[in-house]
Amino acid sequence: AGRSTRIGGDETVGLVQSLLGAGAVDVVVAGWPVHDAT
């Protein structure tokens, strides 16, 4: 969920950018695949 893609300059597109753009004050995400139980 925390992965993003650079689209030009240093602008990034991803879930985090969308959540912050929608007004969230803080966001917790995973930077890689997660293990169900842990």
All heavy atoms as atom14 arrays in JSON, in Angstrom:
{
  "sequence": "AGRSTRIGGDETVGLVQSLLGAGAVDVVVAGWPVHDAT",
  "atom14_mask": [
    [1, 1, 1, 1, 1, 0, 0, 0, 0, 0, 0, 0, 0, 0],
    [1, 1, 1, 1, 0, 0, 0, 0, 0, 0, 0, 0, 0, 0],
    [1, 1, 1, 1, 1, 1, 1, 1, 1, 1, 1, 0, 0, 0],
    [1, 1, 1, 1, 1, 1, 0, 0, 0, 0, 0, 0, 0, 0],
    [1, 1, 1, 1, 1, 1, 1, 0, 0, 0, 0, 0, 0, 0],
    [1, 1, 1, 1, 1, 1, 1, 1, 1, 1, 1, 0, 0, 0],
    [1, 1, 1, 1, 1, 1, 1, 1, 0, 0, 0, 0, 0, 0],
    [1, 1, 1, 1, 0, 0, 0, 0, 0, 0, 0, 0, 0, 0],
    [1, 1, 1, 1, 0, 0, 0, 0, 0, 0, 0, 0, 0, 0],
    [1, 1, 1, 1, 1, 1, 1, 1, 0, 0, 0, 0, 0, 0],
    [1, 1, 1, 1, 1, 1, 1, 1, 1, 0, 0, 0, 0, 0],
    [1, 1, 1, 1, 1, 1, 1, 0, 0, 0, 0, 0, 0, 0],
    [1, 1, 1, 1, 1, 1, 1, 0, 0, 0, 0, 0, 0, 0],
    [1, 1, 1, 1, 0, 0, 0, 0, 0, 0, 0, 0, 0, 0],
    [1, 1, 1, 1, 1, 1, 1, 1, 0, 0, 0, 0, 0, 0],
    [1, 1, 1, 1, 1, 1, 1, 0, 0, 0, 0, 0, 0, 0],
    [1, 1, 1, 1, 1, 1, 1, 1, 1, 0, 0, 0, 0, 0],
    [1, 1, 1, 1, 1, 1, 0, 0, 0, 0, 0, 0, 0, 0],
    [1, 1, 1, 1, 1, 1, 1, 1, 0, 0, 0, 0, 0, 0],
    [1, 1, 1, 1, 1, 1, 1, 1, 0, 0, 0, 0, 0, 0],
    [1, 1, 1, 1, 0, 0, 0, 0, 0, 0, 0, 0, 0, 0],
    [1, 1, 1, 1, 1, 0, 0, 0, 0, 0, 0, 0, 0, 0],
    [1, 1, 1, 1, 0, 0, 0, 0, 0, 0, 0, 0, 0, 0],
    [1, 1, 1, 1, 1, 0, 0, 0, 0, 0, 0, 0, 0, 0],
    [1, 1, 1, 1, 1, 1, 1, 0, 0, 0, 0, 0, 0, 0],
    [1, 1, 1, 1, 1, 1, 1, 1, 0, 0, 0, 0, 0, 0],
    [1, 1, 1, 1, 1, 1, 1, 0, 0, 0, 0, 0, 0, 0],
    [1, 1, 1, 1, 1, 1, 1, 0, 0, 0, 0, 0, 0, 0],
    [1, 1, 1, 1, 1, 1, 1, 0, 0, 0, 0, 0, 0, 0],
    [1, 1, 1, 1, 1, 0, 0, 0, 0, 0, 0, 0, 0, 0],
    [1, 1, 1, 1, 0, 0, 0, 0, 0, 0, 0, 0, 0, 0],
    [1, 1, 1, 1, 1, 1, 1, 1, 1, 1, 1, 1, 1, 1],
    [1, 1, 1, 1, 1, 1, 1, 0, 0, 0, 0, 0, 0, 0],
    [1, 1, 1, 1, 1, 1, 1, 0, 0, 0, 0, 0, 0, 0],
    [1, 1, 1, 1, 1, 1, 1, 1, 1, 1, 0, 0, 0, 0],
    [1, 1, 1, 1, 1, 1, 1, 1, 0, 0, 0, 0, 0, 0],
    [1, 1, 1, 1, 1, 0, 0, 0, 0, 0, 0, 0, 0, 0],
    [1, 1, 1, 1, 1, 1, 1, 0, 0, 0, 0, 0, 0, 0]
  ],
  "atom14_positions": [
    [[0.82, -1.21, 0.0], [0.0, 0.0, 0.0], [0.85, 1.26, 0.0], [0.4, 2.32, -0.43], [-0.94, 0.0, 1.2], [0.0, 0.0, 0.0], [0.0, 0.0, 0.0], [0.0, 0.0, 0.0], [0.0, 0.0, 0.0], [0.0, 0.0, 0.0], [0.0, 0.0, 0.0], [0.0, 0.0, 0.0], [0.0, 0.0, 0.0], [0.0, 0.0, 0.0]],
    [[2.09, 1.16, 0.47], [2.95, 2.34, 0.54], [3.8, 2.56, -0.69], [4.55, 3.54, -0.76], [0.0, 0.0, 0.0], [0.0, 0.0, 0.0], [0.0, 0.0, 0.0], [0.0, 0.0, 0.0], [0.0, 0.0, 0.0], [0.0, 0.0, 0.0], [0.0, 0.0, 0.0], [0.0, 0.0, 0.0], [0.0, 0.0, 0.0], [0.0, 0.0, 0.0]],
    [[3.7, 1.68, -1.68], [4.51, 1.86, -2.88], [3.97, 3.03, -3.71], [2.78, 3.3, -3.73], [4.52, 0.6, -3.74], [5.29, -0.55, -3.11], [5.49, -1.67, -4.11], [6.18, -2.8, -3.52], [7.51, -2.92, -3.46], [8.28, -1.95, -3.95], [8.07, -3.99, -2.92], [0.0, 0.0, 0.0], [0.0, 0.0, 0.0], [0.0, 0.0, 0.0]],
    [[4.87, 3.71, -4.4], [4.45, 4.81, -5.26], [5.31, 4.79, -6.52], [6.36, 4.13, -6.57], [4.6, 6.16, -4.55], [5.93, 6.38, -4.15], [0.0, 0.0, 0.0], [0.0, 0.0, 0.0], [0.0, 0.0, 0.0], [0.0, 0.0, 0.0], [0.0, 0.0, 0.0], [0.0, 0.0, 0.0], [0.0, 0.0, 0.0], [0.0, 0.0, 0.0]],
    [[4.87, 5.51, -7.53], [5.57, 5.58, -8.8], [5.86, 7.04, -9.12], [4.97, 7.89, -9.0], [4.71, 4.98, -9.93], [4.42, 3.61, -9.61], [5.44, 5.04, -11.26], [0.0, 0.0, 0.0], [0.0, 0.0, 0.0], [0.0, 0.0, 0.0], [0.0, 0.0, 0.0], [0.0, 0.0, 0.0], [0.0, 0.0, 0.0], [0.0, 0.0, 0.0]],
    [[7.1, 7.32, -9.5], [7.45, 8.69, -9.91], [6.99, 8.92, -11.34], [7.19, 8.1, -12.21], [8.95, 8.91, -9.79], [9.4, 9.17, -8.35], [10.87, 9.54, -8.3], [11.71, 8.39, -8.61], [12.93, 8.47, -9.11], [13.46, 9.65, -9.4], [13.63, 7.38, -9.34], [0.0, 0.0, 0.0], [0.0, 0.0, 0.0], [0.0, 0.0, 0.0]],
    [[6.36, 10.07, -11.57], [5.8, 10.34, -12.89], [6.43, 11.55, -13.56], [6.02, 11.95, -14.63], [4.28, 10.56, -12.79], [3.95, 11.72, -11.84], [3.58, 9.29, -12.36], [2.49, 12.1, -11.85], [0.0, 0.0, 0.0], [0.0, 0.0, 0.0], [0.0, 0.0, 0.0], [0.0, 0.0, 0.0], [0.0, 0.0, 0.0], [0.0, 0.0, 0.0]],
    [[7.44, 12.13, -12.97], [8.08, 13.3, -13.57], [8.58, 14.2, -12.47], [7.9, 14.4, -11.45], [0.0, 0.0, 0.0], [0.0, 0.0, 0.0], [0.0, 0.0, 0.0], [0.0, 0.0, 0.0], [0.0, 0.0, 0.0], [0.0, 0.0, 0.0], [0.0, 0.0, 0.0], [0.0, 0.0, 0.0], [0.0, 0.0, 0.0], [0.0, 0.0, 0.0]],
    [[9.79, 14.76, -12.67], [10.38, 15.54, -11.59], [10.52, 14.63, -10.38], [11.05, 13.52, -10.48], [0.0, 0.0, 0.0], [0.0, 0.0, 0.0], [0.0, 0.0, 0.0], [0.0, 0.0, 0.0], [0.0, 0.0, 0.0], [0.0, 0.0, 0.0], [0.0, 0.0, 0.0], [0.0, 0.0, 0.0], [0.0, 0.0, 0.0], [0.0, 0.0, 0.0]],
    [[10.0, 15.05, -9.24], [9.98, 14.18, -8.08], [8.55, 13.97, -7.59], [8.32, 13.69, -6.43], [10.85, 14.76, -6.95], [11.37, 13.68, -6.02], [11.75, 12.6, -6.52], [11.38, 13.9, -4.8], [0.0, 0.0, 0.0], [0.0, 0.0, 0.0], [0.0, 0.0, 0.0], [0.0, 0.0, 0.0], [0.0, 0.0, 0.0], [0.0, 0.0, 0.0]],
    [[7.58, 14.12, -8.51], [6.19, 13.86, -8.16], [5.95, 12.36, -8.13], [6.45, 11.62, -8.97], [5.26, 14.52, -9.18], [5.3, 16.04, -9.16], [4.85, 16.61, -7.82], [3.85, 16.11, -7.27], [5.52, 17.52, -7.32], [0.0, 0.0, 0.0], [0.0, 0.0, 0.0], [0.0, 0.0, 0.0], [0.0, 0.0, 0.0], [0.0, 0.0, 0.0]],
    [[5.16, 11.91, -7.16], [4.85, 10.5, -7.03], [3.34, 10.29, -7.04], [2.58, 11.17, -6.65], [5.43, 9.92, -5.72], [4.96, 10.69, -4.61], [6.95, 9.94, -5.75], [0.0, 0.0, 0.0], [0.0, 0.0, 0.0], [0.0, 0.0, 0.0], [0.0, 0.0, 0.0], [0.0, 0.0, 0.0], [0.0, 0.0, 0.0], [0.0, 0.0, 0.0]],
    [[2.94, 9.12, -7.51], [1.54, 8.72, -7.55], [1.4, 7.42, -6.79], [2.19, 6.49, -6.98], [1.04, 8.56, -8.99], [-0.38, 8.0, -9.0], [1.08, 9.88, -9.73], [0.0, 0.0, 0.0], [0.0, 0.0, 0.0], [0.0, 0.0, 0.0], [0.0, 0.0, 0.0], [0.0, 0.0, 0.0], [0.0, 0.0, 0.0], [0.0, 0.0, 0.0]],
    [[0.41, 7.33, -5.93], [0.17, 6.1, -5.2], [-0.95, 6.3, -4.2], [-1.57, 7.36, -4.13], [0.0, 0.0, 0.0], [0.0, 0.0, 0.0], [0.0, 0.0, 0.0], [0.0, 0.0, 0.0], [0.0, 0.0, 0.0], [0.0, 0.0, 0.0], [0.0, 0.0, 0.0], [0.0, 0.0, 0.0], [0.0, 0.0, 0.0], [0.0, 0.0, 0.0]],
    [[-1.2, 5.27, -3.42], [-2.3, 5.31, -2.47], [-2.09, 6.37, -1.4], [-3.03, 7.08, -1.0], [-2.45, 3.92, -1.83], [-3.7, 3.69, -0.98], [-4.96, 3.79, -1.83], [-3.62, 2.33, -0.3], [0.0, 0.0, 0.0], [0.0, 0.0, 0.0], [0.0, 0.0, 0.0], [0.0, 0.0, 0.0], [0.0, 0.0, 0.0], [0.0, 0.0, 0.0]],
    [[-0.85, 6.51, -0.92], [-0.58, 7.5, 0.13], [-0.9, 8.9, -0.36], [-1.56, 9.69, 0.34], [0.89, 7.41, 0.57], [1.24, 8.58, 1.5], [1.16, 6.1, 1.27], [0.0, 0.0, 0.0], [0.0, 0.0, 0.0], [0.0, 0.0, 0.0], [0.0, 0.0, 0.0], [0.0, 0.0, 0.0], [0.0, 0.0, 0.0], [0.0, 0.0, 0.0]],
    [[-0.45, 9.23, -1.56], [-0.7, 10.57, -2.09], [-2.2, 10.85, -2.21], [-2.66, 11.96, -1.95], [-0.01, 10.74, -3.44], [1.51, 10.8, -3.38], [2.17, 9.45, -3.12], [1.54, 8.4, -3.27], [3.43, 9.46, -2.73], [0.0, 0.0, 0.0], [0.0, 0.0, 0.0], [0.0, 0.0, 0.0], [0.0, 0.0, 0.0], [0.0, 0.0, 0.0]],
    [[-2.97, 9.82, -2.6], [-4.41, 10.0, -2.72], [-5.07, 10.21, -1.37], [-5.97, 11.06, -1.22], [-5.03, 8.8, -3.43], [-4.59, 8.72, -4.77], [0.0, 0.0, 0.0], [0.0, 0.0, 0.0], [0.0, 0.0, 0.0], [0.0, 0.0, 0.0], [0.0, 0.0, 0.0], [0.0, 0.0, 0.0], [0.0, 0.0, 0.0], [0.0, 0.0, 0.0]],
    [[-4.66, 9.46, -0.36], [-5.24, 9.61, 0.97], [-4.91, 10.97, 1.57], [-5.79, 11.64, 2.16], [-4.74, 8.49, 1.88], [-5.27, 7.09, 1.55], [-4.48, 6.03, 2.29], [-6.76, 6.98, 1.9], [0.0, 0.0, 0.0], [0.0, 0.0, 0.0], [0.0, 0.0, 0.0], [0.0, 0.0, 0.0], [0.0, 0.0, 0.0], [0.0, 0.0, 0.0]],
    [[-3.66, 11.41, 1.41], [-3.3, 12.74, 1.92], [-4.02, 13.83, 1.14], [-4.46, 14.83, 1.71], [-1.78, 12.93, 1.83], [-0.94, 12.02, 2.72], [0.55, 12.29, 2.49], [-1.28, 12.2, 4.19], [0.0, 0.0, 0.0], [0.0, 0.0, 0.0], [0.0, 0.0, 0.0], [0.0, 0.0, 0.0], [0.0, 0.0, 0.0], [0.0, 0.0, 0.0]],
    [[-4.14, 13.64, -0.18], [-4.85, 14.62, -0.98], [-6.32, 14.72, -0.61], [-6.94, 15.78, -0.78], [0.0, 0.0, 0.0], [0.0, 0.0, 0.0], [0.0, 0.0, 0.0], [0.0, 0.0, 0.0], [0.0, 0.0, 0.0], [0.0, 0.0, 0.0], [0.0, 0.0, 0.0], [0.0, 0.0, 0.0], [0.0, 0.0, 0.0], [0.0, 0.0, 0.0]],
    [[-6.89, 13.61, -0.1], [-8.29, 13.63, 0.33], [-8.47, 14.26, 1.69], [-9.61, 14.42, 2.15], [-8.84, 12.2, 0.34], [0.0, 0.0, 0.0], [0.0, 0.0, 0.0], [0.0, 0.0, 0.0], [0.0, 0.0, 0.0], [0.0, 0.0, 0.0], [0.0, 0.0, 0.0], [0.0, 0.0, 0.0], [0.0, 0.0, 0.0], [0.0, 0.0, 0.0]],
    [[-7.35, 14.62, 2.36], [-7.44, 15.35, 3.62], [-6.96, 14.62, 4.85], [-7.03, 15.17, 5.96], [0.0, 0.0, 0.0], [0.0, 0.0, 0.0], [0.0, 0.0, 0.0], [0.0, 0.0, 0.0], [0.0, 0.0, 0.0], [0.0, 0.0, 0.0], [0.0, 0.0, 0.0], [0.0, 0.0, 0.0], [0.0, 0.0, 0.0], [0.0, 0.0, 0.0]],
    [[-6.45, 13.38, 4.72], [-5.99, 12.64, 5.89], [-4.83, 13.37, 6.58], [-4.01, 14.01, 5.91], [-5.55, 11.23, 5.49], [0.0, 0.0, 0.0], [0.0, 0.0, 0.0], [0.0, 0.0, 0.0], [0.0, 0.0, 0.0], [0.0, 0.0, 0.0], [0.0, 0.0, 0.0], [0.0, 0.0, 0.0], [0.0, 0.0, 0.0], [0.0, 0.0, 0.0]],
    [[-4.76, 13.27, 7.9], [-3.67, 13.93, 8.63], [-2.47, 13.0, 8.82], [-1.35, 13.47, 8.97], [-4.14, 14.45, 10.01], [-5.11, 15.59, 9.85], [-4.76, 13.34, 10.84], [0.0, 0.0, 0.0], [0.0, 0.0, 0.0], [0.0, 0.0, 0.0], [0.0, 0.0, 0.0], [0.0, 0.0, 0.0], [0.0, 0.0, 0.0], [0.0, 0.0, 0.0]],
    [[-2.71, 11.7, 8.86], [-1.59, 10.75, 8.89], [-2.07, 9.42, 8.34], [-3.25, 9.09, 8.39], [-0.94, 10.61, 10.27], [-1.95, 10.45, 11.4], [-3.14, 10.24, 11.11], [-1.54, 10.52, 12.57], [0.0, 0.0, 0.0], [0.0, 0.0, 0.0], [0.0, 0.0, 0.0], [0.0, 0.0, 0.0], [0.0, 0.0, 0.0], [0.0, 0.0, 0.0]],
    [[-1.1, 8.66, 7.79], [-1.42, 7.42, 7.08], [-0.38, 6.37, 7.45], [0.82, 6.66, 7.44], [-1.4, 7.64, 5.55], [-1.68, 6.34, 4.81], [-2.41, 8.71, 5.14], [0.0, 0.0, 0.0], [0.0, 0.0, 0.0], [0.0, 0.0, 0.0], [0.0, 0.0, 0.0], [0.0, 0.0, 0.0], [0.0, 0.0, 0.0], [0.0, 0.0, 0.0]],
    [[-0.82, 5.17, 7.75], [0.07, 4.03, 7.99], [-0.14, 3.04, 6.85], [-1.27, 2.64, 6.57], [-0.24, 3.35, 9.34], [0.55, 2.04, 9.46], [0.12, 4.26, 10.49], [0.0, 0.0, 0.0], [0.0, 0.0, 0.0], [0.0, 0.0, 0.0], [0.0, 0.0, 0.0], [0.0, 0.0, 0.0], [0.0, 0.0, 0.0], [0.0, 0.0, 0.0]],
    [[0.95, 2.64, 6.2], [0.88, 1.7, 5.08], [2.06, 0.75, 5.14], [3.02, 0.98, 5.87], [0.91, 2.45, 3.72], [-0.38, 3.19, 3.46], [2.1, 3.4, 3.65], [0.0, 0.0, 0.0], [0.0, 0.0, 0.0], [0.0, 0.0, 0.0], [0.0, 0.0, 0.0], [0.0, 0.0, 0.0], [0.0, 0.0, 0.0], [0.0, 0.0, 0.0]],
    [[1.99, -0.31, 4.34], [3.09, -1.27, 4.23], [3.88, -0.99, 2.96], [3.31, -0.74, 1.91], [2.55, -2.7, 4.19], [0.0, 0.0, 0.0], [0.0, 0.0, 0.0], [0.0, 0.0, 0.0], [0.0, 0.0, 0.0], [0.0, 0.0, 0.0], [0.0, 0.0, 0.0], [0.0, 0.0, 0.0], [0.0, 0.0, 0.0], [0.0, 0.0, 0.0]],
    [[5.2, -1.05, 3.08], [6.07, -0.77, 1.94], [6.37, -1.97, 1.09], [7.01, -1.83, 0.04], [0.0, 0.0, 0.0], [0.0, 0.0, 0.0], [0.0, 0.0, 0.0], [0.0, 0.0, 0.0], [0.0, 0.0, 0.0], [0.0, 0.0, 0.0], [0.0, 0.0, 0.0], [0.0, 0.0, 0.0], [0.0, 0.0, 0.0], [0.0, 0.0, 0.0]],
    [[5.91, -3.15, 1.49], [6.19, -4.37, 0.74], [5.12, -5.4, 1.08], [4.22, -5.12, 1.89], [7.59, -4.91, 1.03], [7.96, -5.01, 2.49], [7.63, -6.0, 3.35], [8.75, -4.07, 3.25], [8.15, -5.76, 4.6], [8.84, -4.58, 4.56], [9.38, -2.88, 2.94], [9.54, -3.91, 5.57], [10.08, -2.21, 3.95], [10.16, -2.73, 5.24]],
    [[5.14, -6.61, 0.52], [4.13, -7.61, 0.84], [4.1, -7.93, 2.33], [5.13, -7.97, 3.0], [4.57, -8.84, 0.03], [5.32, -8.26, -1.12], [6.05, -7.07, -0.56], [0.0, 0.0, 0.0], [0.0, 0.0, 0.0], [0.0, 0.0, 0.0], [0.0, 0.0, 0.0], [0.0, 0.0, 0.0], [0.0, 0.0, 0.0], [0.0, 0.0, 0.0]],
    [[2.89, -8.14, 2.85], [2.74, -8.37, 4.28], [2.35, -9.81, 4.56], [1.8, -10.51, 3.7], [1.69, -7.42, 4.89], [2.09, -5.98, 4.7], [0.3, -7.67, 4.31], [0.0, 0.0, 0.0], [0.0, 0.0, 0.0], [0.0, 0.0, 0.0], [0.0, 0.0, 0.0], [0.0, 0.0, 0.0], [0.0, 0.0, 0.0], [0.0, 0.0, 0.0]],
    [[2.64, -10.25, 5.76], [2.3, -11.59, 6.21], [1.0, -11.51, 7.0], [0.84, -10.65, 7.86], [3.44, -12.13, 7.09], [3.28, -13.56, 7.49], [2.42, -13.95, 8.49], [3.86, -14.69, 7.03], [2.49, -15.26, 8.64], [3.35, -15.73, 7.76], [0.0, 0.0, 0.0], [0.0, 0.0, 0.0], [0.0, 0.0, 0.0], [0.0, 0.0, 0.0]],
    [[0.07, -12.39, 6.69], [-1.28, -12.3, 7.25], [-1.27, -12.27, 8.78], [-1.83, -11.37, 9.4], [-2.09, -13.49, 6.75], [-3.59, -13.21, 6.71], [-3.98, -12.03, 6.66], [-4.37, -14.17, 6.75], [0.0, 0.0, 0.0], [0.0, 0.0, 0.0], [0.0, 0.0, 0.0], [0.0, 0.0, 0.0], [0.0, 0.0, 0.0], [0.0, 0.0, 0.0]],
    [[-0.63, -13.26, 9.41], [-0.7, -13.38, 10.86], [0.1, -12.29, 11.57], [-0.36, -11.7, 12.55], [-0.2, -14.77, 11.29], [0.0, 0.0, 0.0], [0.0, 0.0, 0.0], [0.0, 0.0, 0.0], [0.0, 0.0, 0.0], [0.0, 0.0, 0.0], [0.0, 0.0, 0.0], [0.0, 0.0, 0.0], [0.0, 0.0, 0.0], [0.0, 0.0, 0.0]],
    [[1.33, -12.0, 11.09], [2.13, -11.0, 11.78], [1.55, -9.6, 11.6], [1.67, -8.74, 12.47], [3.59, -11.03, 11.3], [3.63, -10.84, 9.88], [4.26, -12.33, 11.65], [0.0, 0.0, 0.0], [0.0, 0.0, 0.0], [0.0, 0.0, 0.0], [0.0, 0.0, 0.0], [0.0, 0.0, 0.0], [0.0, 0.0, 0.0], [0.0, 0.0, 0.0]]
  ]
}
